[in-house]
Amino acid sequence: MVLSALLCAASVGWFRRRYWGWVFGTTIIAINAAGDLINGVMGEWLKGAVGVAIAGLLLIYMTRSGVRNYFTAK
């Protein structure tokens, strides 16, 4: 239930183009990538590699200046 509330808050900030929503969304994706990396190290290398690749591409996109500048600091 807590995770659902956090994801809901991140989506509200994201769709309202708030800087905190961008930070929150980027942090969630980074935590997901770290979890996928741990899965890969623990033996589920295919699942971990696919997860890290997808999350990594999302992070590259989300941290580009054009995307980051789309969000306002309010």
N, C-alpha and C. Protein backbone atom coordinates (compact mmCIF):
# COMPACT_ATOMS: atom_id res chain seq x y z
N MET A 1 0.81 -1.18 0.00
CA MET A 1 0.00 0.00 0.00
C MET A 1 0.88 1.27 0.00
N VAL A 2 1.98 1.19 0.72
CA VAL A 2 2.89 2.33 0.76
C VAL A 2 3.51 2.57 -0.61
N LEU A 3 3.91 1.49 -1.28
CA LEU A 3 4.49 1.63 -2.61
C LEU A 3 3.49 2.25 -3.58
N SER A 4 2.24 1.84 -3.49
CA SER A 4 1.21 2.41 -4.36
C SER A 4 1.04 3.91 -4.11
N ALA A 5 1.07 4.31 -2.87
CA ALA A 5 0.94 5.73 -2.54
C ALA A 5 2.14 6.52 -3.06
N LEU A 6 3.34 5.96 -2.95
CA LEU A 6 4.53 6.64 -3.45
C LEU A 6 4.50 6.78 -4.97
N LEU A 7 4.10 5.72 -5.65
CA LEU A 7 4.02 5.78 -7.11
C LEU A 7 2.93 6.74 -7.57
N CYS A 8 1.83 6.79 -6.83
CA CYS A 8 0.76 7.74 -7.15
C CYS A 8 1.26 9.18 -6.99
N ALA A 9 1.98 9.44 -5.91
CA ALA A 9 2.53 10.79 -5.69
C ALA A 9 3.51 11.17 -6.80
N ALA A 10 4.35 10.22 -7.19
CA ALA A 10 5.31 10.49 -8.27
C ALA A 10 4.59 10.79 -9.57
N SER A 11 3.52 10.06 -9.86
CA SER A 11 2.79 10.29 -11.11
C SER A 11 2.09 11.64 -11.10
N VAL A 12 1.58 12.05 -9.95
CA VAL A 12 0.94 13.37 -9.87
C VAL A 12 1.97 14.47 -10.14
N GLY A 13 3.12 14.37 -9.52
CA GLY A 13 4.18 15.36 -9.76
C GLY A 13 4.67 15.34 -11.18
N TRP A 14 4.76 14.14 -11.76
CA TRP A 14 5.24 14.00 -13.14
C TRP A 14 4.27 14.66 -14.11
N PHE A 15 2.98 14.36 -13.98
CA PHE A 15 2.00 14.88 -14.92
C PHE A 15 1.72 16.36 -14.72
N ARG A 16 2.03 16.88 -13.54
CA ARG A 16 1.89 18.32 -13.31
C ARG A 16 3.17 19.08 -13.63
N ARG A 17 4.15 18.35 -14.15
CA ARG A 17 5.43 18.93 -14.58
C ARG A 17 6.16 19.64 -13.45
N ARG A 18 6.18 19.03 -12.29
CA ARG A 18 6.89 19.58 -11.14
C ARG A 18 8.27 18.94 -11.05
N TYR A 19 9.23 19.74 -10.63
CA TYR A 19 10.60 19.24 -10.52
C TYR A 19 10.68 18.08 -9.52
N TRP A 20 9.96 18.19 -8.41
CA TRP A 20 9.99 17.11 -7.42
C TRP A 20 9.44 15.82 -8.00
N GLY A 21 8.50 15.90 -8.93
CA GLY A 21 7.97 14.71 -9.59
C GLY A 21 9.03 14.06 -10.46
N TRP A 22 9.83 14.89 -11.12
CA TRP A 22 10.93 14.36 -11.94
C TRP A 22 11.97 13.68 -11.05
N VAL A 23 12.32 14.34 -9.94
CA VAL A 23 13.31 13.76 -9.02
C VAL A 23 12.78 12.45 -8.45
N PHE A 24 11.54 12.43 -8.05
CA PHE A 24 10.93 11.25 -7.46
C PHE A 24 10.87 10.11 -8.48
N GLY A 25 10.45 10.41 -9.70
CA GLY A 25 10.38 9.39 -10.74
C GLY A 25 11.75 8.84 -11.11
N THR A 26 12.72 9.71 -11.22
CA THR A 26 14.09 9.29 -11.54
C THR A 26 14.67 8.43 -10.42
N THR A 27 14.39 8.79 -9.19
CA THR A 27 14.86 8.01 -8.05
C THR A 27 14.24 6.62 -8.03
N ILE A 28 12.96 6.53 -8.32
CA ILE A 28 12.28 5.23 -8.35
C ILE A 28 12.89 4.33 -9.43
N ILE A 29 13.15 4.88 -10.61
CA ILE A 29 13.75 4.09 -11.68
C ILE A 29 15.17 3.67 -11.31
N ALA A 30 15.92 4.54 -10.65
CA ALA A 30 17.28 4.20 -10.23
C ALA A 30 17.27 3.08 -9.19
N ILE A 31 16.34 3.12 -8.26
CA ILE A 31 16.22 2.05 -7.27
C ILE A 31 15.85 0.74 -7.95
N ASN A 32 14.97 0.81 -8.93
CA ASN A 32 14.60 -0.38 -9.69
C ASN A 32 15.81 -0.96 -10.42
N ALA A 33 16.63 -0.10 -11.01
CA ALA A 33 17.83 -0.57 -11.71
C ALA A 33 18.79 -1.23 -10.73
N ALA A 34 18.93 -0.67 -9.54
CA ALA A 34 19.80 -1.28 -8.53
C ALA A 34 19.28 -2.66 -8.13
N GLY A 35 17.98 -2.79 -7.97
CA GLY A 35 17.39 -4.09 -7.65
C GLY A 35 17.62 -5.10 -8.75
N ASP A 36 17.50 -4.66 -10.00
CA ASP A 36 17.77 -5.56 -11.13
C ASP A 36 19.23 -5.97 -11.18
N LEU A 37 20.11 -5.05 -10.85
CA LEU A 37 21.53 -5.37 -10.81
C LEU A 37 21.82 -6.42 -9.73
N ILE A 38 21.18 -6.28 -8.59
CA ILE A 38 21.34 -7.27 -7.52
C ILE A 38 20.79 -8.62 -7.96
N ASN A 39 19.65 -8.64 -8.67
CA ASN A 39 19.12 -9.89 -9.20
C ASN A 39 20.13 -10.56 -10.12
N GLY A 40 20.80 -9.78 -10.94
CA GLY A 40 21.80 -10.34 -11.84
C GLY A 40 22.97 -10.94 -11.09
N VAL A 41 23.41 -10.27 -10.04
CA VAL A 41 24.54 -10.77 -9.25
C VAL A 41 24.14 -12.02 -8.47
N MET A 42 22.88 -12.11 -8.06
CA MET A 42 22.42 -13.24 -7.26
C MET A 42 22.13 -14.49 -8.09
N GLY A 43 22.28 -14.42 -9.39
CA GLY A 43 22.14 -15.61 -10.21
C GLY A 43 21.09 -15.54 -11.30
N GLU A 44 20.17 -14.61 -11.20
CA GLU A 44 19.17 -14.45 -12.26
C GLU A 44 19.70 -13.44 -13.26
N TRP A 45 20.75 -13.85 -13.99
CA TRP A 45 21.49 -12.91 -14.83
C TRP A 45 20.68 -12.40 -16.00
N LEU A 46 19.83 -13.22 -16.61
CA LEU A 46 19.04 -12.75 -17.76
C LEU A 46 17.99 -11.75 -17.32
N LYS A 47 17.27 -12.08 -16.27
CA LYS A 47 16.25 -11.17 -15.73
C LYS A 47 16.90 -9.86 -15.28
N GLY A 48 18.03 -9.96 -14.61
CA GLY A 48 18.74 -8.77 -14.15
C GLY A 48 19.27 -7.92 -15.28
N ALA A 49 19.83 -8.57 -16.30
CA ALA A 49 20.40 -7.83 -17.43
C ALA A 49 19.33 -7.08 -18.21
N VAL A 50 18.20 -7.75 -18.43
CA VAL A 50 17.11 -7.09 -19.16
C VAL A 50 16.58 -5.91 -18.35
N GLY A 51 16.40 -6.10 -17.05
CA GLY A 51 15.91 -5.02 -16.20
C GLY A 51 16.86 -3.85 -16.14
N VAL A 52 18.15 -4.13 -16.01
CA VAL A 52 19.14 -3.06 -15.96
C VAL A 52 19.18 -2.31 -17.29
N ALA A 53 19.07 -3.03 -18.40
CA ALA A 53 19.09 -2.38 -19.72
C ALA A 53 17.89 -1.44 -19.89
N ILE A 54 16.71 -1.92 -19.53
CA ILE A 54 15.51 -1.10 -19.68
C ILE A 54 15.56 0.10 -18.75
N ALA A 55 15.87 -0.14 -17.48
CA ALA A 55 15.93 0.97 -16.51
C ALA A 55 17.05 1.94 -16.88
N GLY A 56 18.17 1.43 -17.38
CA GLY A 56 19.26 2.30 -17.80
C GLY A 56 18.87 3.21 -18.96
N LEU A 57 18.18 2.65 -19.93
CA LEU A 57 17.71 3.47 -21.05
C LEU A 57 16.71 4.53 -20.59
N LEU A 58 15.83 4.14 -19.68
CA LEU A 58 14.89 5.13 -19.12
C LEU A 58 15.62 6.24 -18.39
N LEU A 59 16.64 5.88 -17.61
CA LEU A 59 17.40 6.90 -16.89
C LEU A 59 18.16 7.82 -17.84
N ILE A 60 18.71 7.25 -18.89
CA ILE A 60 19.40 8.09 -19.88
C ILE A 60 18.43 9.09 -20.49
N TYR A 61 17.24 8.62 -20.84
CA TYR A 61 16.24 9.51 -21.41
C TYR A 61 15.78 10.56 -20.40
N MET A 62 15.48 10.11 -19.18
CA MET A 62 14.93 11.02 -18.17
C MET A 62 15.92 12.08 -17.71
N THR A 63 17.21 11.81 -17.82
CA THR A 63 18.21 12.77 -17.35
C THR A 63 18.75 13.67 -18.47
N ARG A 64 18.22 13.53 -19.66
CA ARG A 64 18.62 14.44 -20.73
C ARG A 64 18.14 15.84 -20.40
N SER A 65 18.86 16.83 -20.85
CA SER A 65 18.53 18.21 -20.48
C SER A 65 17.15 18.63 -20.97
N GLY A 66 16.75 18.17 -22.14
CA GLY A 66 15.43 18.54 -22.65
C GLY A 66 14.30 18.04 -21.79
N VAL A 67 14.43 16.83 -21.29
CA VAL A 67 13.39 16.26 -20.42
C VAL A 67 13.45 16.94 -19.06
N ARG A 68 14.65 17.08 -18.51
CA ARG A 68 14.81 17.70 -17.20
C ARG A 68 14.30 19.14 -17.20
N ASN A 69 14.55 19.89 -18.26
CA ASN A 69 14.11 21.27 -18.33
C ASN A 69 12.61 21.40 -18.53
N TYR A 70 11.95 20.33 -18.93
CA TYR A 70 10.50 20.35 -19.11
C TYR A 70 9.77 20.54 -17.78
N PHE A 71 10.42 20.15 -16.69
CA PHE A 71 9.81 20.23 -15.37
C PHE A 71 10.19 21.54 -14.71
N THR A 72 9.22 22.18 -14.10
CA THR A 72 9.43 23.47 -13.44
C THR A 72 9.64 23.26 -11.96
N ALA A 73 10.39 24.15 -11.34
CA ALA A 73 10.66 24.08 -9.90
C ALA A 73 9.61 24.91 -9.17
N LYS A 74 8.48 24.30 -8.84
CA LYS A 74 7.43 25.00 -8.08
C LYS A 74 7.12 24.26 -6.82
